[in-house]
Amino acid sequence: MSFWRKSSFSSGQVSAECVEVAAPSPDLILIRESDDPAAVIATGPAPWAAFIQGLKRGDFDRLPGSV
């Protein structure tokens, strides 16, 4: 069984709209949206680390087509 974690920014919110992450083994990262927990995305540590670095750099702050 995986231990799902969510962002500390989501902890005080009543809404179920948050992303949860679990690492059931050293080579597997699981990602799901809390309002649809059956839909799980699996990835490895290297792609996950690259995604987190991109978030911290602001790579996803303005996606193409967004205002």
N, C-alpha and C. Protein backbone atom coordinates (compact mmCIF):
# COMPACT_ATOMS: atom_id res chain seq x y z
N MET A 1 0.84 -1.18 0.00
CA MET A 1 0.00 0.00 0.00
C MET A 1 0.88 1.24 0.00
N SER A 2 0.55 2.21 -0.82
CA SER A 2 1.34 3.43 -0.93
C SER A 2 0.83 4.49 0.04
N PHE A 3 1.74 5.29 0.51
CA PHE A 3 1.40 6.42 1.36
C PHE A 3 1.31 7.65 0.47
N TRP A 4 0.11 8.18 0.27
CA TRP A 4 -0.10 9.33 -0.60
C TRP A 4 0.14 10.61 0.18
N ARG A 5 0.90 11.53 -0.44
CA ARG A 5 1.17 12.84 0.16
C ARG A 5 0.66 13.93 -0.77
N LYS A 6 0.25 15.04 -0.18
CA LYS A 6 -0.15 16.18 -1.00
C LYS A 6 0.62 17.40 -0.53
N SER A 7 0.62 18.41 -1.34
CA SER A 7 1.35 19.64 -1.04
C SER A 7 0.88 20.25 0.28
N SER A 8 1.79 20.83 1.01
CA SER A 8 1.43 21.53 2.24
C SER A 8 0.55 22.75 1.93
N PHE A 9 0.59 23.23 0.70
CA PHE A 9 -0.26 24.34 0.28
C PHE A 9 -1.72 23.91 0.20
N SER A 10 -1.98 22.61 0.11
CA SER A 10 -3.34 22.09 -0.01
C SER A 10 -3.94 21.67 1.33
N SER A 11 -3.15 21.60 2.36
CA SER A 11 -3.59 20.98 3.62
C SER A 11 -4.76 21.67 4.30
N GLY A 12 -4.91 22.97 4.16
CA GLY A 12 -5.98 23.67 4.84
C GLY A 12 -7.23 23.85 4.01
N GLN A 13 -7.23 23.33 2.80
CA GLN A 13 -8.36 23.56 1.90
C GLN A 13 -9.40 22.47 2.03
N VAL A 14 -10.66 22.86 1.94
CA VAL A 14 -11.77 21.91 1.97
C VAL A 14 -11.88 21.20 0.62
N SER A 15 -11.53 21.86 -0.45
CA SER A 15 -11.63 21.32 -1.79
C SER A 15 -10.77 20.07 -1.95
N ALA A 16 -11.23 19.16 -2.80
CA ALA A 16 -10.49 17.94 -3.07
C ALA A 16 -9.59 18.09 -4.29
N GLU A 17 -9.35 19.30 -4.72
CA GLU A 17 -8.56 19.54 -5.93
C GLU A 17 -7.09 19.70 -5.60
N CYS A 18 -6.40 18.58 -5.50
CA CYS A 18 -4.96 18.65 -5.29
C CYS A 18 -4.30 17.42 -5.90
N VAL A 19 -3.02 17.52 -6.12
CA VAL A 19 -2.25 16.41 -6.66
C VAL A 19 -1.60 15.69 -5.49
N GLU A 20 -1.63 14.36 -5.54
CA GLU A 20 -1.03 13.54 -4.50
C GLU A 20 0.08 12.70 -5.12
N VAL A 21 1.11 12.43 -4.33
CA VAL A 21 2.27 11.69 -4.80
C VAL A 21 2.60 10.58 -3.81
N ALA A 22 3.01 9.43 -4.33
CA ALA A 22 3.46 8.32 -3.49
C ALA A 22 4.70 7.70 -4.12
N ALA A 23 5.57 7.17 -3.27
CA ALA A 23 6.78 6.49 -3.74
C ALA A 23 6.82 5.11 -3.06
N PRO A 24 6.12 4.12 -3.64
CA PRO A 24 6.07 2.80 -3.01
C PRO A 24 7.39 2.03 -3.07
N SER A 25 8.30 2.46 -3.94
CA SER A 25 9.63 1.86 -4.02
C SER A 25 10.60 2.92 -4.52
N PRO A 26 11.90 2.70 -4.37
CA PRO A 26 12.88 3.71 -4.79
C PRO A 26 12.86 4.04 -6.28
N ASP A 27 12.35 3.12 -7.10
CA ASP A 27 12.38 3.35 -8.55
C ASP A 27 11.00 3.65 -9.14
N LEU A 28 10.01 3.99 -8.29
CA LEU A 28 8.66 4.24 -8.78
C LEU A 28 8.03 5.41 -8.05
N ILE A 29 7.52 6.37 -8.83
CA ILE A 29 6.78 7.52 -8.30
C ILE A 29 5.37 7.43 -8.89
N LEU A 30 4.35 7.52 -8.03
CA LEU A 30 2.96 7.50 -8.47
C LEU A 30 2.35 8.87 -8.23
N ILE A 31 1.55 9.33 -9.19
CA ILE A 31 0.93 10.66 -9.12
C ILE A 31 -0.56 10.49 -9.42
N ARG A 32 -1.40 11.16 -8.64
CA ARG A 32 -2.84 11.12 -8.90
C ARG A 32 -3.48 12.44 -8.49
N GLU A 33 -4.66 12.70 -9.03
CA GLU A 33 -5.44 13.86 -8.63
C GLU A 33 -6.43 13.38 -7.57
N SER A 34 -6.55 14.12 -6.49
CA SER A 34 -7.34 13.65 -5.36
C SER A 34 -8.81 13.44 -5.68
N ASP A 35 -9.37 14.16 -6.64
CA ASP A 35 -10.78 13.97 -6.96
C ASP A 35 -11.01 12.83 -7.94
N ASP A 36 -9.95 12.18 -8.43
CA ASP A 36 -10.05 10.99 -9.28
C ASP A 36 -8.92 10.03 -8.91
N PRO A 37 -8.95 9.47 -7.70
CA PRO A 37 -7.82 8.67 -7.20
C PRO A 37 -7.56 7.38 -7.97
N ALA A 38 -8.50 6.94 -8.79
CA ALA A 38 -8.27 5.72 -9.56
C ALA A 38 -7.36 5.95 -10.76
N ALA A 39 -7.25 7.19 -11.22
CA ALA A 39 -6.38 7.51 -12.36
C ALA A 39 -4.99 7.85 -11.83
N VAL A 40 -4.07 6.94 -12.01
CA VAL A 40 -2.71 7.08 -11.46
C VAL A 40 -1.70 7.10 -12.60
N ILE A 41 -0.76 8.02 -12.52
CA ILE A 41 0.35 8.11 -13.47
C ILE A 41 1.59 7.58 -12.77
N ALA A 42 2.31 6.71 -13.42
CA ALA A 42 3.54 6.15 -12.87
C ALA A 42 4.74 6.70 -13.63
N THR A 43 5.79 7.02 -12.89
CA THR A 43 7.03 7.51 -13.50
C THR A 43 8.21 7.08 -12.62
N GLY A 44 9.38 7.42 -13.06
CA GLY A 44 10.58 7.12 -12.30
C GLY A 44 11.13 8.36 -11.61
N PRO A 45 12.13 8.18 -10.77
CA PRO A 45 12.69 9.30 -10.02
C PRO A 45 13.33 10.38 -10.89
N ALA A 46 14.00 10.02 -11.99
CA ALA A 46 14.67 11.03 -12.83
C ALA A 46 13.66 11.94 -13.53
N PRO A 47 12.63 11.41 -14.19
CA PRO A 47 11.64 12.30 -14.80
C PRO A 47 10.89 13.14 -13.75
N TRP A 48 10.62 12.55 -12.60
CA TRP A 48 9.94 13.29 -11.53
C TRP A 48 10.82 14.45 -11.05
N ALA A 49 12.10 14.21 -10.86
CA ALA A 49 13.02 15.26 -10.43
C ALA A 49 13.10 16.37 -11.48
N ALA A 50 13.13 16.01 -12.76
CA ALA A 50 13.17 17.01 -13.83
C ALA A 50 11.89 17.85 -13.82
N PHE A 51 10.74 17.22 -13.58
CA PHE A 51 9.48 17.94 -13.51
C PHE A 51 9.48 18.92 -12.34
N ILE A 52 9.93 18.49 -11.18
CA ILE A 52 9.97 19.35 -9.99
C ILE A 52 10.93 20.53 -10.24
N GLN A 53 12.07 20.27 -10.85
CA GLN A 53 13.00 21.36 -11.17
C GLN A 53 12.35 22.37 -12.11
N GLY A 54 11.60 21.88 -13.10
CA GLY A 54 10.89 22.76 -14.02
C GLY A 54 9.85 23.61 -13.31
N LEU A 55 9.15 23.01 -12.35
CA LEU A 55 8.19 23.78 -11.55
C LEU A 55 8.89 24.90 -10.79
N LYS A 56 10.00 24.57 -10.15
CA LYS A 56 10.73 25.56 -9.36
C LYS A 56 11.31 26.67 -10.22
N ARG A 57 11.68 26.35 -11.47
CA ARG A 57 12.21 27.36 -12.39
C ARG A 57 11.10 28.23 -12.98
N GLY A 58 9.87 27.78 -12.88
CA GLY A 58 8.76 28.52 -13.46
C GLY A 58 8.46 28.13 -14.89
N ASP A 59 8.97 26.99 -15.33
CA ASP A 59 8.77 26.56 -16.72
C ASP A 59 7.29 26.41 -17.09
N PHE A 60 6.42 26.19 -16.12
CA PHE A 60 5.02 25.92 -16.40
C PHE A 60 4.11 27.07 -15.96
N ASP A 61 4.69 28.20 -15.62
CA ASP A 61 3.90 29.34 -15.16
C ASP A 61 2.99 29.90 -16.26
N ARG A 62 3.48 29.88 -17.48
CA ARG A 62 2.70 30.39 -18.61
C ARG A 62 2.77 29.36 -19.74
N LEU A 63 1.75 28.56 -19.81
CA LEU A 63 1.71 27.54 -20.86
C LEU A 63 1.22 28.16 -22.17
N PRO A 64 1.60 27.62 -23.31
CA PRO A 64 1.15 28.14 -24.59
C PRO A 64 -0.37 28.21 -24.64
N GLY A 65 -0.90 29.33 -25.13
CA GLY A 65 -2.34 29.50 -25.25
C GLY A 65 -3.01 30.03 -24.00
N SER A 66 -2.27 30.16 -22.90
CA SER A 66 -2.88 30.70 -21.67
C SER A 66 -2.72 32.21 -21.64
N VAL A 67 -3.59 32.86 -20.91
CA VAL A 67 -3.59 34.32 -20.82
C VAL A 67 -2.70 34.76 -19.69
